[in-house]
Amino acid sequence: LHAMVYEDSAFLALGRLDLTGVTRVSLDLRSEKSLHPFSLELREDGFSGNLLGRSDVMPSIAEQWYQHSVPISVAGDHTLFVIVRSSATGIGQFNPLVRIDGIHFERSTAAP
C-alpha cells in the first residue's frame, strides 16, 4: 500500500488485484471537522490511468465512521489505485479531508 498527496488530490496504490465478479468497492471513511465534498475514483495503472469507477461523496456527519461505495464493472487483473479528489480550498494541513480505514471488494449477490 502506497499513499501520495498532490495539490487537489491523494491516492492509494493497492497493487495488482483480480476484480473478476466485483461489482462495487466500499470504503470505510471518516470526515473530521470539515465536511468538504470530494470524489472517490478507482483507476487502473496510476493516478491518471483508465477510470474504472467514480462516485461523489457529500459528508453529512463529522467525527463518525461511515461507508461509501463505488460501483465498478470490470474483470480480470488490474493494478488498482484509489484516488480522492476535491476542489475545496482552505482545508489546511492539519485538518484532513477524509480518513480511509477499510476497503471492501463486494461481489454481486446474483448466482453465477
C-alpha atoms as a PDB file:
ATOM      1  CA  LEU A   1       0.000   0.000   0.000  1.00  0.00           C
ATOM      2  CA  HIS A   2       1.416   3.335  -1.061  1.00  0.00           C
ATOM      3  CA  ALA A   3      -0.133   6.759  -0.339  1.00  0.00           C
ATOM      4  CA  MET A   4       0.708  10.036  -2.070  1.00  0.00           C
ATOM      5  CA  VAL A   5      -0.732  13.555  -1.770  1.00  0.00           C
ATOM      6  CA  TYR A   6      -0.980  16.112  -4.565  1.00  0.00           C
ATOM      7  CA  GLU A   7      -2.316  19.663  -4.644  1.00  0.00           C
ATOM      8  CA  ASP A   8      -6.006  18.764  -5.035  1.00  0.00           C
ATOM      9  CA  SER A   9      -5.934  15.028  -4.512  1.00  0.00           C
ATOM     10  CA  ALA A  10      -4.345  11.991  -2.927  1.00  0.00           C
ATOM     11  CA  PHE A  11      -4.098   8.358  -3.916  1.00  0.00           C
ATOM     12  CA  LEU A  12      -3.538   4.895  -2.521  1.00  0.00           C
ATOM     13  CA  ALA A  13      -1.834   2.302  -4.706  1.00  0.00           C
ATOM     14  CA  LEU A  14      -3.344  -1.073  -3.847  1.00  0.00           C
ATOM     15  CA  GLY A  15      -1.359  -3.206  -6.267  1.00  0.00           C
ATOM     16  CA  ARG A  16      -2.491  -5.848  -8.740  1.00  0.00           C
ATOM     17  CA  LEU A  17      -5.852  -7.428  -7.889  1.00  0.00           C
ATOM     18  CA  ASP A  18      -8.242  -9.822  -9.605  1.00  0.00           C
ATOM     19  CA  LEU A  19     -11.503  -7.864  -9.847  1.00  0.00           C
ATOM     20  CA  THR A  20     -13.488 -10.613 -11.582  1.00  0.00           C
ATOM     21  CA  GLY A  21     -17.011 -10.636 -10.136  1.00  0.00           C
ATOM     22  CA  VAL A  22     -16.510  -7.467  -8.064  1.00  0.00           C
ATOM     23  CA  THR A  23     -19.427  -5.076  -8.612  1.00  0.00           C
ATOM     24  CA  ARG A  24     -18.527  -2.379  -6.109  1.00  0.00           C
ATOM     25  CA  VAL A  25     -15.750  -1.256  -3.832  1.00  0.00           C
ATOM     26  CA  SER A  26     -16.864   0.113  -0.444  1.00  0.00           C
ATOM     27  CA  LEU A  27     -14.647   2.297   1.708  1.00  0.00           C
ATOM     28  CA  ASP A  28     -14.882   2.947   5.455  1.00  0.00           C
ATOM     29  CA  LEU A  29     -14.491   6.727   5.767  1.00  0.00           C
ATOM     30  CA  ARG A  30     -14.299   9.342   8.497  1.00  0.00           C
ATOM     31  CA  SER A  31     -14.610  13.047   7.797  1.00  0.00           C
ATOM     32  CA  GLU A  32     -13.165  15.163  10.549  1.00  0.00           C
ATOM     33  CA  LYS A  33     -14.440  18.650  11.399  1.00  0.00           C
ATOM     34  CA  SER A  34     -14.511  19.798   7.790  1.00  0.00           C
ATOM     35  CA  LEU A  35     -17.338  18.367   5.726  1.00  0.00           C
ATOM     36  CA  HIS A  36     -15.994  19.248   2.280  1.00  0.00           C
ATOM     37  CA  PRO A  37     -17.353  17.334  -0.722  1.00  0.00           C
ATOM     38  CA  PHE A  38     -14.933  15.087  -2.600  1.00  0.00           C
ATOM     39  CA  SER A  39     -14.902  12.307  -5.166  1.00  0.00           C
ATOM     40  CA  LEU A  40     -13.594   8.763  -4.970  1.00  0.00           C
ATOM     41  CA  GLU A  41     -12.123   7.313  -8.150  1.00  0.00           C
ATOM     42  CA  LEU A  42     -10.880   3.818  -8.896  1.00  0.00           C
ATOM     43  CA  ARG A  43      -8.191   3.916 -11.579  1.00  0.00           C
ATOM     44  CA  GLU A  44      -6.011   1.374 -13.309  1.00  0.00           C
ATOM     45  CA  ASP A  45      -2.221   1.600 -13.560  1.00  0.00           C
ATOM     46  CA  GLY A  46      -1.792   5.026 -11.998  1.00  0.00           C
ATOM     47  CA  PHE A  47      -3.058   8.357 -10.805  1.00  0.00           C
ATOM     48  CA  SER A  48      -4.321   9.340 -14.266  1.00  0.00           C
ATOM     49  CA  GLY A  49      -4.962   5.826 -15.590  1.00  0.00           C
ATOM     50  CA  ASN A  50      -8.112   4.318 -17.045  1.00  0.00           C
ATOM     51  CA  LEU A  51     -11.165   5.193 -14.891  1.00  0.00           C
ATOM     52  CA  LEU A  52     -12.800   2.018 -13.525  1.00  0.00           C
ATOM     53  CA  GLY A  53     -15.336   3.693 -11.218  1.00  0.00           C
ATOM     54  CA  ARG A  54     -16.189   7.055  -9.662  1.00  0.00           C
ATOM     55  CA  SER A  55     -18.555   8.376  -7.001  1.00  0.00           C
ATOM     56  CA  ASP A  56     -19.148  11.784  -5.390  1.00  0.00           C
ATOM     57  CA  VAL A  57     -19.173  11.980  -1.590  1.00  0.00           C
ATOM     58  CA  MET A  58     -21.033  14.689   0.337  1.00  0.00           C
ATOM     59  CA  PRO A  59     -20.155  14.057   4.012  1.00  0.00           C
ATOM     60  CA  SER A  60     -23.020  14.904   6.356  1.00  0.00           C
ATOM     61  CA  ILE A  61     -21.603  13.740   9.678  1.00  0.00           C
ATOM     62  CA  ALA A  62     -18.323  14.667  11.338  1.00  0.00           C
ATOM     63  CA  GLU A  63     -16.211  12.587  13.688  1.00  0.00           C
ATOM     64  CA  GLN A  64     -18.052   9.337  12.833  1.00  0.00           C
ATOM     65  CA  TRP A  65     -17.246   6.425  10.551  1.00  0.00           C
ATOM     66  CA  TYR A  66     -19.444   5.897   7.508  1.00  0.00           C
ATOM     67  CA  GLN A  67     -19.270   3.732   4.397  1.00  0.00           C
ATOM     68  CA  HIS A  68     -19.411   4.814   0.756  1.00  0.00           C
ATOM     69  CA  SER A  69     -19.494   2.536  -2.305  1.00  0.00           C
ATOM     70  CA  VAL A  70     -18.092   2.979  -5.803  1.00  0.00           C
ATOM     71  CA  PRO A  71     -19.697   0.787  -8.491  1.00  0.00           C
ATOM     72  CA  ILE A  72     -17.362  -0.917 -10.971  1.00  0.00           C
ATOM     73  CA  SER A  73     -17.805  -3.185 -13.978  1.00  0.00           C
ATOM     74  CA  VAL A  74     -14.501  -4.831 -14.906  1.00  0.00           C
ATOM     75  CA  ALA A  75     -12.997  -8.300 -14.878  1.00  0.00           C
ATOM     76  CA  GLY A  76      -9.508  -9.726 -14.594  1.00  0.00           C
ATOM     77  CA  ASP A  77      -6.299  -8.445 -13.023  1.00  0.00           C
ATOM     78  CA  HIS A  78      -5.850  -4.689 -12.625  1.00  0.00           C
ATOM     79  CA  THR A  79      -3.305  -2.554 -10.800  1.00  0.00           C
ATOM     80  CA  LEU A  80      -5.764  -0.573  -8.693  1.00  0.00           C
ATOM     81  CA  PHE A  81      -5.462   2.985  -7.389  1.00  0.00           C
ATOM     82  CA  VAL A  82      -7.964   4.748  -5.104  1.00  0.00           C
ATOM     83  CA  ILE A  83      -7.980   8.495  -5.823  1.00  0.00           C
ATOM     84  CA  VAL A  84      -9.538  11.125  -3.536  1.00  0.00           C
ATOM     85  CA  ARG A  85     -10.143  14.483  -5.287  1.00  0.00           C
ATOM     86  CA  SER A  86     -11.582  17.749  -4.019  1.00  0.00           C
ATOM     87  CA  SER A  87     -11.845  21.285  -5.295  1.00  0.00           C
ATOM     88  CA  ALA A  88     -12.329  22.548  -1.723  1.00  0.00           C
ATOM     89  CA  THR A  89      -9.948  25.268  -0.604  1.00  0.00           C
ATOM     90  CA  GLY A  90      -8.690  26.147   2.851  1.00  0.00           C
ATOM     91  CA  ILE A  91      -8.717  22.608   4.188  1.00  0.00           C
ATOM     92  CA  GLY A  92      -5.320  23.063   5.836  1.00  0.00           C
ATOM     93  CA  GLN A  93      -2.505  20.667   6.578  1.00  0.00           C
ATOM     94  CA  PHE A  94      -3.797  19.524   9.975  1.00  0.00           C
ATOM     95  CA  ASN A  95      -7.474  19.319   9.021  1.00  0.00           C
ATOM     96  CA  PRO A  96      -7.700  16.172   6.894  1.00  0.00           C
ATOM     97  CA  LEU A  97     -10.375  15.919   4.221  1.00  0.00           C
ATOM     98  CA  VAL A  98     -11.115  12.258   4.932  1.00  0.00           C
ATOM     99  CA  ARG A  99      -9.586   9.183   6.556  1.00  0.00           C
ATOM    100  CA  ILE A 100      -9.851   5.753   4.954  1.00  0.00           C
ATOM    101  CA  ASP A 101      -9.897   2.846   7.390  1.00  0.00           C
ATOM    102  CA  GLY A 102     -11.022  -0.071   5.259  1.00  0.00           C
ATOM    103  CA  ILE A 103     -11.606  -1.117   1.671  1.00  0.00           C
ATOM    104  CA  HIS A 104     -14.087  -3.897   0.842  1.00  0.00           C
ATOM    105  CA  PHE A 105     -14.407  -5.651  -2.513  1.00  0.00           C
ATOM    106  CA  GLU A 106     -18.010  -6.747  -2.907  1.00  0.00           C
ATOM    107  CA  ARG A 107     -19.299  -9.323  -5.354  1.00  0.00           C
ATOM    108  CA  SER A 108     -22.729  -9.457  -6.919  1.00  0.00           C
ATOM    109  CA  THR A 109     -25.306 -11.382  -4.914  1.00  0.00           C
ATOM    110  CA  ALA A 110     -26.648 -12.936  -8.144  1.00  0.00           C
ATOM    111  CA  ALA A 111     -25.946 -16.625  -8.656  1.00  0.00           C
ATOM    112  CA  PRO A 112     -23.156 -17.434 -11.171  1.00  0.00           C
END
